[in-house]
Amino acid sequence: MRIQTGQLISLGYGKYVRSDEVVAIAPIEEERGPGKRTHVWVRGVADALVASRSDGALADDLVTPAEEAARMRELRAMLSRLAAALDDVPPVLRRVLREESSVEVDALLEETRRVLG
């Protein structure tokens, strides 16, 4: 893994830091609640900042080039829209698609949800 230099990453809560200034990240384990929060240590800042994003999401942003990260966000958004559309396909149409064209809507929906995590 290589940290991308000079790239701003979002910590959430309207906070951004330069990727090459992040020294360490660690998930907040206690009182985490339904959201995933992370401690982020930044060079030159005495105390850790609290990010409203998971440690995995932050690590991805630290090492992913900005163009690739933007493309990944677009793909995730498209997959989310696809999952919502597939979810709305009525059972009778799912059966017709399976019988007439071998398209398994349920399998596609399951795979889309798996990829989205």
Protein backbone atom coordinates (compact mmCIF):
# COMPACT_ATOMS: atom_id res chain seq x y z
CA MET A 1 0.00 0.00 0.00
CA ARG A 2 1.19 3.45 -0.82
CA ILE A 3 -0.30 6.59 0.71
CA GLN A 4 -1.48 9.08 -1.92
CA THR A 5 0.23 12.41 -1.31
CA GLY A 6 -1.47 15.78 -1.17
CA GLN A 7 -4.96 14.31 -1.40
CA LEU A 8 -7.73 15.54 0.90
CA ILE A 9 -9.73 12.83 2.58
CA SER A 10 -13.02 13.32 4.38
CA LEU A 11 -13.27 12.34 8.03
CA GLY A 12 -16.96 13.19 8.05
CA TYR A 13 -18.49 15.89 10.24
CA GLY A 14 -17.17 18.39 7.66
CA LYS A 15 -13.53 17.61 8.54
CA TYR A 16 -10.85 16.97 5.90
CA VAL A 17 -7.15 16.15 6.27
CA ARG A 18 -4.29 15.65 3.84
CA SER A 19 -3.70 11.96 3.25
CA ASP A 20 0.07 12.26 3.70
CA GLU A 21 -0.39 13.92 7.13
CA VAL A 22 -2.32 11.00 8.64
CA VAL A 23 -0.06 9.12 11.04
CA ALA A 24 -2.43 6.43 12.34
CA ILE A 25 -6.07 5.32 12.39
CA ALA A 26 -7.86 3.08 14.89
CA PRO A 27 -11.52 2.09 15.20
CA ILE A 28 -13.36 3.36 18.27
CA GLU A 29 -14.54 0.17 19.95
CA GLU A 30 -16.47 1.42 22.99
CA GLU A 31 -19.79 3.23 22.68
CA ARG A 32 -19.56 2.94 18.92
CA GLY A 33 -23.29 2.71 18.32
CA PRO A 34 -24.71 1.81 14.90
CA GLY A 35 -22.26 4.06 13.05
CA LYS A 36 -18.60 3.30 12.59
CA ARG A 37 -16.27 5.88 14.03
CA THR A 38 -12.49 6.04 14.00
CA HIS A 39 -9.71 7.86 15.80
CA VAL A 40 -7.38 9.58 13.33
CA TRP A 41 -3.99 10.92 14.36
CA VAL A 42 -2.64 13.71 12.20
CA ARG A 43 0.94 15.00 12.14
CA GLY A 44 1.18 18.24 14.11
CA VAL A 45 -2.14 17.76 15.96
CA ALA A 46 -1.79 16.75 19.61
CA ASP A 47 -5.03 14.80 20.04
CA ALA A 48 -6.68 12.27 17.79
CA LEU A 49 -9.55 13.50 15.64
CA VAL A 50 -12.82 11.56 15.61
CA ALA A 51 -13.95 10.53 12.14
CA SER A 52 -17.51 9.46 11.45
CA ARG A 53 -16.25 6.91 8.94
CA SER A 54 -14.93 3.38 9.41
CA ASP A 55 -11.23 2.65 9.56
CA GLY A 56 -11.54 0.56 6.39
CA ALA A 57 -13.17 3.38 4.42
CA LEU A 58 -10.49 5.82 5.59
CA ALA A 59 -7.69 3.38 4.73
CA ASP A 60 -9.17 2.97 1.24
CA ASP A 61 -9.20 6.75 0.77
CA LEU A 62 -5.59 7.03 1.98
CA VAL A 63 -4.22 4.64 -0.61
CA THR A 64 -6.61 5.07 -3.55
CA PRO A 65 -5.86 7.72 -6.19
CA ALA A 66 -8.55 10.45 -6.28
CA GLU A 67 -9.68 9.55 -9.81
CA GLU A 68 -10.10 5.89 -8.91
CA ALA A 69 -11.94 6.76 -5.68
CA ALA A 70 -14.36 8.96 -7.64
CA ARG A 71 -14.94 6.13 -10.11
CA MET A 72 -15.55 3.68 -7.26
CA ARG A 73 -18.13 6.05 -5.71
CA GLU A 74 -19.91 6.27 -9.08
CA LEU A 75 -19.95 2.49 -9.39
CA ARG A 76 -21.28 2.02 -5.84
CA ALA A 77 -24.05 4.56 -6.53
CA MET A 78 -24.95 2.78 -9.76
CA LEU A 79 -25.03 -0.61 -8.01
CA SER A 80 -27.26 0.85 -5.29
CA ARG A 81 -29.71 2.10 -7.92
CA LEU A 82 -29.57 -1.28 -9.67
CA ALA A 83 -30.30 -3.12 -6.41
CA ALA A 84 -33.27 -0.84 -5.73
CA ALA A 85 -34.61 -1.43 -9.25
CA LEU A 86 -34.15 -5.21 -9.01
CA ASP A 87 -35.85 -5.22 -5.63
CA ASP A 88 -38.95 -3.69 -7.27
CA VAL A 89 -39.26 -6.40 -9.94
CA PRO A 90 -42.48 -8.32 -9.13
CA PRO A 91 -42.30 -12.09 -8.61
CA VAL A 92 -44.25 -12.89 -11.78
CA LEU A 93 -41.83 -10.87 -13.92
CA ARG A 94 -38.85 -12.52 -12.18
CA ARG A 95 -40.29 -15.90 -13.13
CA VAL A 96 -40.84 -14.84 -16.76
CA LEU A 97 -37.27 -13.47 -16.99
CA ARG A 98 -35.88 -16.70 -15.53
CA GLU A 99 -37.92 -18.93 -17.87
CA GLU A 100 -37.59 -16.89 -21.07
CA SER A 101 -34.05 -15.52 -20.84
CA SER A 102 -32.32 -17.36 -17.98
CA VAL A 103 -31.95 -14.09 -16.06
CA GLU A 104 -31.97 -14.82 -12.31
CA VAL A 105 -33.10 -11.54 -10.74
CA ASP A 106 -32.75 -12.92 -7.20
CA ALA A 107 -29.17 -14.04 -7.87
CA LEU A 108 -28.28 -10.68 -9.42
CA LEU A 109 -29.80 -8.85 -6.47
CA GLU A 110 -27.92 -11.04 -3.98
CA GLU A 111 -24.62 -10.51 -5.81
CA THR A 112 -25.18 -6.76 -6.04
CA ARG A 113 -25.85 -6.56 -2.29
CA ARG A 114 -22.78 -8.68 -1.56
CA VAL A 115 -20.56 -6.39 -3.61
CA LEU A 116 -22.00 -3.31 -1.90
CA GLY A 117 -21.27 -4.90 1.47
